[in-house]
Every structure is written in C-alpha cells, then in structure tokens.
C-alpha atoms as a PDB file:
ATOM      1  CA  ASN A   1     -51.726  -2.145  22.757  1.00  0.00           C
ATOM      2  CA  VAL A   2     -51.111   0.070  20.086  1.00  0.00           C
ATOM      3  CA  SER A   3     -47.893   1.791  21.932  1.00  0.00           C
ATOM      4  CA  VAL A   4     -46.475  -1.876  22.826  1.00  0.00           C
ATOM      5  CA  GLU A   5     -46.790  -2.899  19.005  1.00  0.00           C
ATOM      6  CA  LYS A   6     -45.113   0.297  18.112  1.00  0.00           C
ATOM      7  CA  GLN A   7     -42.315  -0.394  20.473  1.00  0.00           C
ATOM      8  CA  LEU A   8     -41.878  -3.871  19.263  1.00  0.00           C
ATOM      9  CA  LEU A   9     -41.711  -2.695  15.594  1.00  0.00           C
ATOM     10  CA  ALA A  10     -39.028  -0.018  16.425  1.00  0.00           C
ATOM     11  CA  LEU A  11     -37.109  -2.636  18.419  1.00  0.00           C
ATOM     12  CA  GLN A  12     -37.407  -5.235  15.366  1.00  0.00           C
ATOM     13  CA  ASP A  13     -36.206  -2.239  13.115  1.00  0.00           C
ATOM     14  CA  VAL A  14     -33.290  -1.677  15.256  1.00  0.00           C
ATOM     15  CA  ASN A  15     -32.360  -5.240  15.601  1.00  0.00           C
ATOM     16  CA  THR A  16     -32.611  -5.811  11.704  1.00  0.00           C
ATOM     17  CA  ARG A  17     -30.209  -2.694  11.254  1.00  0.00           C
ATOM     18  CA  GLN A  18     -27.652  -4.064  13.929  1.00  0.00           C
ATOM     19  CA  ASN A  19     -27.805  -7.523  12.240  1.00  0.00           C
ATOM     20  CA  LEU A  20     -27.033  -6.000   9.013  1.00  0.00           C
ATOM     21  CA  GLU A  21     -24.412  -4.020  10.295  1.00  0.00           C
ATOM     22  CA  ILE A  22     -22.846  -7.109  12.190  1.00  0.00           C
ATOM     23  CA  ARG A  23     -23.200  -8.894   8.812  1.00  0.00           C
ATOM     24  CA  VAL A  24     -21.073  -6.014   6.988  1.00  0.00           C
ATOM     25  CA  LEU A  25     -18.536  -5.858   9.670  1.00  0.00           C
ATOM     26  CA  LYS A  26     -18.247  -9.786   9.577  1.00  0.00           C
ATOM     27  CA  TYR A  27     -17.608  -9.591   5.714  1.00  0.00           C
ATOM     28  CA  THR A  28     -15.075  -6.606   6.198  1.00  0.00           C
ATOM     29  CA  ILE A  29     -13.119  -8.592   8.716  1.00  0.00           C
ATOM     30  CA  SER A  30     -13.161 -11.699   6.543  1.00  0.00           C
ATOM     31  CA  SER A  31     -12.016  -9.529   3.687  1.00  0.00           C
ATOM     32  CA  PHE A  32      -8.973  -8.015   5.771  1.00  0.00           C
ATOM     33  CA  GLU A  33      -8.087 -11.546   6.808  1.00  0.00           C
ATOM     34  CA  LYS A  34      -7.842 -12.696   3.408  1.00  0.00           C
ATOM     35  CA  SER A  35      -5.789  -9.676   2.499  1.00  0.00           C
ATOM     36  CA  ILE A  36      -3.486 -10.446   5.246  1.00  0.00           C
ATOM     37  CA  CYS A  37      -3.134 -14.012   4.295  1.00  0.00           C
ATOM     38  CA  LEU A  38      -2.233 -13.013   0.672  1.00  0.00           C
ATOM     39  CA  ILE A  39       0.409 -10.545   2.118  1.00  0.00           C
ATOM     40  CA  GLU A  40       1.965 -12.954   4.175  1.00  0.00           C
ATOM     41  CA  GLU A  41       2.407 -15.468   1.404  1.00  0.00           C
ATOM     42  CA  LYS A  42       3.851 -12.792  -0.822  1.00  0.00           C
ATOM     43  CA  LEU A  43       6.304 -11.897   1.946  1.00  0.00           C
ATOM     44  CA  PHE A  44       7.223 -15.406   2.582  1.00  0.00           C
ATOM     45  CA  LYS A  45       7.801 -15.948  -1.225  1.00  0.00           C
ATOM     46  CA  GLN A  46       9.794 -12.772  -1.430  1.00  0.00           C
ATOM     47  CA  GLY A  47      11.895 -13.656   1.665  1.00  0.00           C
ATOM     48  CA  ASN A  48      12.575 -17.134  -0.061  1.00  0.00           C
ATOM     49  CA  GLU A  49      13.711 -15.405  -3.112  1.00  0.00           C
ATOM     50  CA  LEU A  50      15.978 -12.920  -1.457  1.00  0.00           C
ATOM     51  CA  ASN A  51      17.568 -15.895   0.627  1.00  0.00           C
ATOM     52  CA  LYS A  52      18.097 -17.655  -2.857  1.00  0.00           C
ATOM     53  CA  GLU A  53      19.678 -14.707  -4.142  1.00  0.00           C
ATOM     54  CA  LYS A  54      21.638 -14.294  -1.158  1.00  0.00           C
ATOM     55  CA  LYS A  55      23.102 -17.762  -1.466  1.00  0.00           C
ATOM     56  CA  CYS A  56      24.010 -17.360  -5.066  1.00  0.00           C
ATOM     57  CA  SER A  57      25.995 -14.178  -4.409  1.00  0.00           C
ATOM     58  CA  SER A  58      29.086 -15.588  -2.609  1.00  0.00           C
ATOM     59  CA  THR A  59      31.260 -12.757  -3.498  1.00  0.00           C
ATOM     60  CA  GLN A  60      29.278 -10.377  -1.172  1.00  0.00           C
ATOM     61  CA  THR A  61      31.284  -8.758   1.491  1.00  0.00           C
ATOM     62  CA  GLU A  62      30.012  -9.128   5.095  1.00  0.00           C
ATOM     63  CA  ASN A  63      28.606  -5.702   5.480  1.00  0.00           C
ATOM     64  CA  GLU A  64      26.374  -6.637   2.365  1.00  0.00           C
ATOM     65  CA  GLN A  65      25.417  -9.822   3.650  1.00  0.00           C
ATOM     66  CA  GLU A  66      24.461  -8.128   6.926  1.00  0.00           C
ATOM     67  CA  ALA A  67      22.487  -5.482   5.124  1.00  0.00           C
ATOM     68  CA  ASP A  68      20.909  -8.341   3.152  1.00  0.00           C
ATOM     69  CA  LYS A  69      19.800  -9.960   6.562  1.00  0.00           C
ATOM     70  CA  ASP A  70      18.395  -6.674   7.603  1.00  0.00           C
ATOM     71  CA  ARG A  71      16.389  -6.082   4.351  1.00  0.00           C
ATOM     72  CA  ILE A  72      14.790  -9.459   4.724  1.00  0.00           C
ATOM     73  CA  HIS A  73      13.882  -9.053   8.232  1.00  0.00           C
ATOM     74  CA  ALA A  74      12.495  -5.632   7.646  1.00  0.00           C
ATOM     75  CA  LEU A  75      10.499  -7.272   4.698  1.00  0.00           C
ATOM     76  CA  LEU A  76       9.170 -10.155   6.675  1.00  0.00           C
ATOM     77  CA  THR A  77       8.201  -7.864   9.665  1.00  0.00           C
ATOM     78  CA  GLY A  78       6.793  -4.872   7.909  1.00  0.00           C
ATOM     79  CA  THR A  79       9.499  -2.662   9.452  1.00  0.00           C
ATOM     80  CA  SER A  80      11.241  -1.358   6.760  1.00  0.00           C
ATOM     81  CA  GLU A  81      11.871   2.407   7.097  1.00  0.00           C
ATOM     82  CA  LEU A  82      12.693   2.864   3.332  1.00  0.00           C
ATOM     83  CA  PRO A  83      10.452   1.835   0.452  1.00  0.00           C
ATOM     84  CA  VAL A  84      12.423  -0.187  -2.087  1.00  0.00           C
ATOM     85  CA  LEU A  85      11.606   0.727  -5.683  1.00  0.00           C
ATOM     86  CA  ARG A  86      10.954  -2.082  -7.866  1.00  0.00           C
ATOM     87  CA  ASP A  87      12.572  -2.606 -11.406  1.00  0.00           C
ATOM     88  CA  GLU A  88       9.569  -1.544 -13.232  1.00  0.00           C
ATOM     89  CA  GLU A  89       8.873   1.382 -11.130  1.00  0.00           C
ATOM     90  CA  LYS A  90      12.748   2.553 -11.715  1.00  0.00           C
ATOM     91  CA  HIS A  91      11.892   2.033 -15.338  1.00  0.00           C
ATOM     92  CA  VAL A  92       8.839   4.178 -15.158  1.00  0.00           C
ATOM     93  CA  ILE A  93      10.561   6.997 -13.367  1.00  0.00           C
ATOM     94  CA  SER A  94      13.355   7.066 -15.797  1.00  0.00           C
ATOM     95  CA  GLU A  95      10.922   7.235 -18.706  1.00  0.00           C
ATOM     96  CA  PHE A  96       8.799   9.799 -17.572  1.00  0.00           C
ATOM     97  CA  CYS A  97      11.833  12.027 -16.102  1.00  0.00           C
ATOM     98  CA  VAL A  98      13.324  12.530 -19.756  1.00  0.00           C
ATOM     99  CA  ASN A  99      10.782  15.493 -20.406  1.00  0.00           C
ATOM    100  CA  GLU A 100       9.939  18.063 -17.744  1.00  0.00           C
ATOM    101  CA  SER A 101       6.357  18.787 -18.972  1.00  0.00           C
ATOM    102  CA  LEU A 102       5.680  14.938 -19.450  1.00  0.00           C
ATOM    103  CA  ALA A 103       6.820  14.484 -15.702  1.00  0.00           C
ATOM    104  CA  GLU A 104       4.584  17.059 -14.514  1.00  0.00           C
ATOM    105  CA  THR A 105       1.672  15.888 -16.346  1.00  0.00           C
ATOM    106  CA  PHE A 106       2.380  12.107 -14.913  1.00  0.00           C
ATOM    107  CA  LEU A 107       2.648  13.624 -11.577  1.00  0.00           C
ATOM    108  CA  SER A 108      -0.714  15.214 -11.801  1.00  0.00           C
ATOM    109  CA  GLU A 109      -2.286  11.948 -13.303  1.00  0.00           C
ATOM    110  CA  ILE A 110      -1.118   9.916 -10.666  1.00  0.00           C
ATOM    111  CA  LEU A 111      -2.213  12.411  -7.964  1.00  0.00           C
ATOM    112  CA  GLU A 112      -5.571  12.210  -9.649  1.00  0.00           C
ATOM    113  CA  LYS A 113      -5.717   8.538  -9.853  1.00  0.00           C
ATOM    114  CA  ILE A 114      -5.031   8.422  -6.106  1.00  0.00           C
ATOM    115  CA  LYS A 115      -7.637  10.817  -5.100  1.00  0.00           C
ATOM    116  CA  VAL A 116     -10.316   9.215  -7.222  1.00  0.00           C
ATOM    117  CA  GLU A 117      -9.681   5.597  -6.752  1.00  0.00           C
ATOM    118  CA  ARG A 118      -7.778   5.398  -3.477  1.00  0.00           C
ATOM    119  CA  GLY A 119     -10.728   3.664  -1.633  1.00  0.00           C
ATOM    120  CA  PHE A 120     -11.046   0.882  -4.284  1.00  0.00           C
ATOM    121  CA  MET A 121      -7.468   0.480  -5.352  1.00  0.00           C
ATOM    122  CA  GLY A 122      -5.514  -2.388  -3.660  1.00  0.00           C
ATOM    123  CA  HIS A 123      -2.835  -1.331  -0.993  1.00  0.00           C
ATOM    124  CA  ASP A 124      -0.046  -2.687  -3.192  1.00  0.00           C
ATOM    125  CA  LEU A 125      -0.845  -0.382  -6.135  1.00  0.00           C
ATOM    126  CA  LEU A 126      -1.372   2.748  -3.742  1.00  0.00           C
ATOM    127  CA  GLN A 127       2.105   2.113  -2.376  1.00  0.00           C
ATOM    128  CA  SER A 128       3.646   1.610  -5.906  1.00  0.00           C
ATOM    129  CA  LEU A 129       2.132   4.856  -7.303  1.00  0.00           C
ATOM    130  CA  CYS A 130       3.368   6.614  -4.032  1.00  0.00           C
ATOM    131  CA  ARG A 131       7.046   5.185  -4.627  1.00  0.00           C
ATOM    132  CA  VAL A 132       6.750   6.336  -8.265  1.00  0.00           C
ATOM    133  CA  TYR A 133       5.373   9.717  -7.414  1.00  0.00           C
ATOM    134  CA  VAL A 134       8.222  10.282  -4.854  1.00  0.00           C
ATOM    135  CA  GLY A 135      10.693   8.856  -7.235  1.00  0.00           C
ATOM    136  CA  VAL A 136       9.681  11.381 -10.141  1.00  0.00           C
ATOM    137  CA  CYS A 137       9.868  14.215  -7.405  1.00  0.00           C
ATOM    138  CA  GLN A 138      13.433  13.162  -6.285  1.00  0.00           C
ATOM    139  CA  GLN A 139      14.708  13.004 -10.024  1.00  0.00           C
ATOM    140  CA  ARG A 140      13.245  16.439 -10.564  1.00  0.00           C
ATOM    141  CA  GLY A 141      14.788  17.715  -7.130  1.00  0.00           C
ATOM    142  CA  ASP A 142      11.163  18.552  -6.213  1.00  0.00           C
ATOM    143  CA  SER A 143      10.844  17.370  -2.606  1.00  0.00           C
ATOM    144  CA  HIS A 144       8.113  19.579  -1.598  1.00  0.00           C
ATOM    145  CA  LYS A 145       5.774  17.722  -3.758  1.00  0.00           C
ATOM    146  CA  ALA A 146       6.759  14.361  -2.279  1.00  0.00           C
ATOM    147  CA  HIS A 147       6.571  15.731   1.268  1.00  0.00           C
ATOM    148  CA  ALA A 148       3.004  17.247   0.475  1.00  0.00           C
ATOM    149  CA  LEU A 149       1.888  13.847  -0.767  1.00  0.00           C
ATOM    150  CA  ALA A 150       3.318  12.202   2.386  1.00  0.00           C
ATOM    151  CA  TYR A 151       1.530  14.825   4.436  1.00  0.00           C
ATOM    152  CA  ARG A 152      -1.796  14.977   2.659  1.00  0.00           C
ATOM    153  CA  LEU A 153      -2.272  11.017   2.044  1.00  0.00           C
ATOM    154  CA  PRO A 154      -2.941  10.028   5.603  1.00  0.00           C
ATOM    155  CA  LYS A 155      -5.387  13.035   6.223  1.00  0.00           C
ATOM    156  CA  GLU A 156      -7.625  12.158   3.176  1.00  0.00           C
END
C-alpha cells in the first residue's frame, strides 16, 4: 500500500509539473501569436503608406517604381536582405559620429544594452539598436565591429 501511495504521489507530482509546463507553453504561444498579429498590422500599414507615397510621386522613373515594388514586396513578405535605416536612426547616427570618443562610448552602451536587456526587449527595438550600431560602425569605417555583432548576436 505504501509503495502504491508513493507511486501515486509521484505521478501526481509529474502530472502537476507537466500541466504547469503546458500552461507556460500555451501562454508563450499566445504571446507569439499576438506579436505576429501586431507585426502583420504594422507591415500592412507600412505597405499602404509606401503605396500612397508611390502614387504621389508620378515623376519617378520606371526603374525607381520597380525598386519601390520590390521594397514593398520585401517588407510585406519579410524577405528584405538589407535593413533600411529609419530617419530617427539616421539622425542618431549622424549626431554620434561627430566625435570619435562619443561614438565609441555610444557603441559600447548599445552593446551593453543588448547584452543586458536582449531577453526582455522587443524585436523591433533590438533590430533598431543593431541598425544604429552597424550604421555608426560604417560611418567610422569600422566594419570589423559590425561583423562581430552580426556573428555574436545569434550565438548569444
């Protein structure tokens, strides 16, 4: 009787842990689904904005219009090979590249923020920080640091 009771208690403990793991996984899946919906909405809005801009610029050449179509398609399908800097990111890069020591400090701070907060920050923020980091590296002619980030980021 005692061994049967121990086995039942052990099975209940395993069952409880498995149920907890299942709940955590369901919550994680739900969170990912919400994130995907938000990303799809953003992409849809950006695609509409790009289409509006395209309609307004009737002076574009045929090659420029084709490039815009490719960018919209890449944006909507997530197949863009080259990240595009936003205006705010370009501004930040130009501000910090004025002074060499300021740029170096800024790069160190970006790396530290990525290391410390990577698990908690949103995907968009992480991408933005990476784009700014690479942009500052490019302005300084320091492609090695940009390559190191690109190599190290997926490994961590």
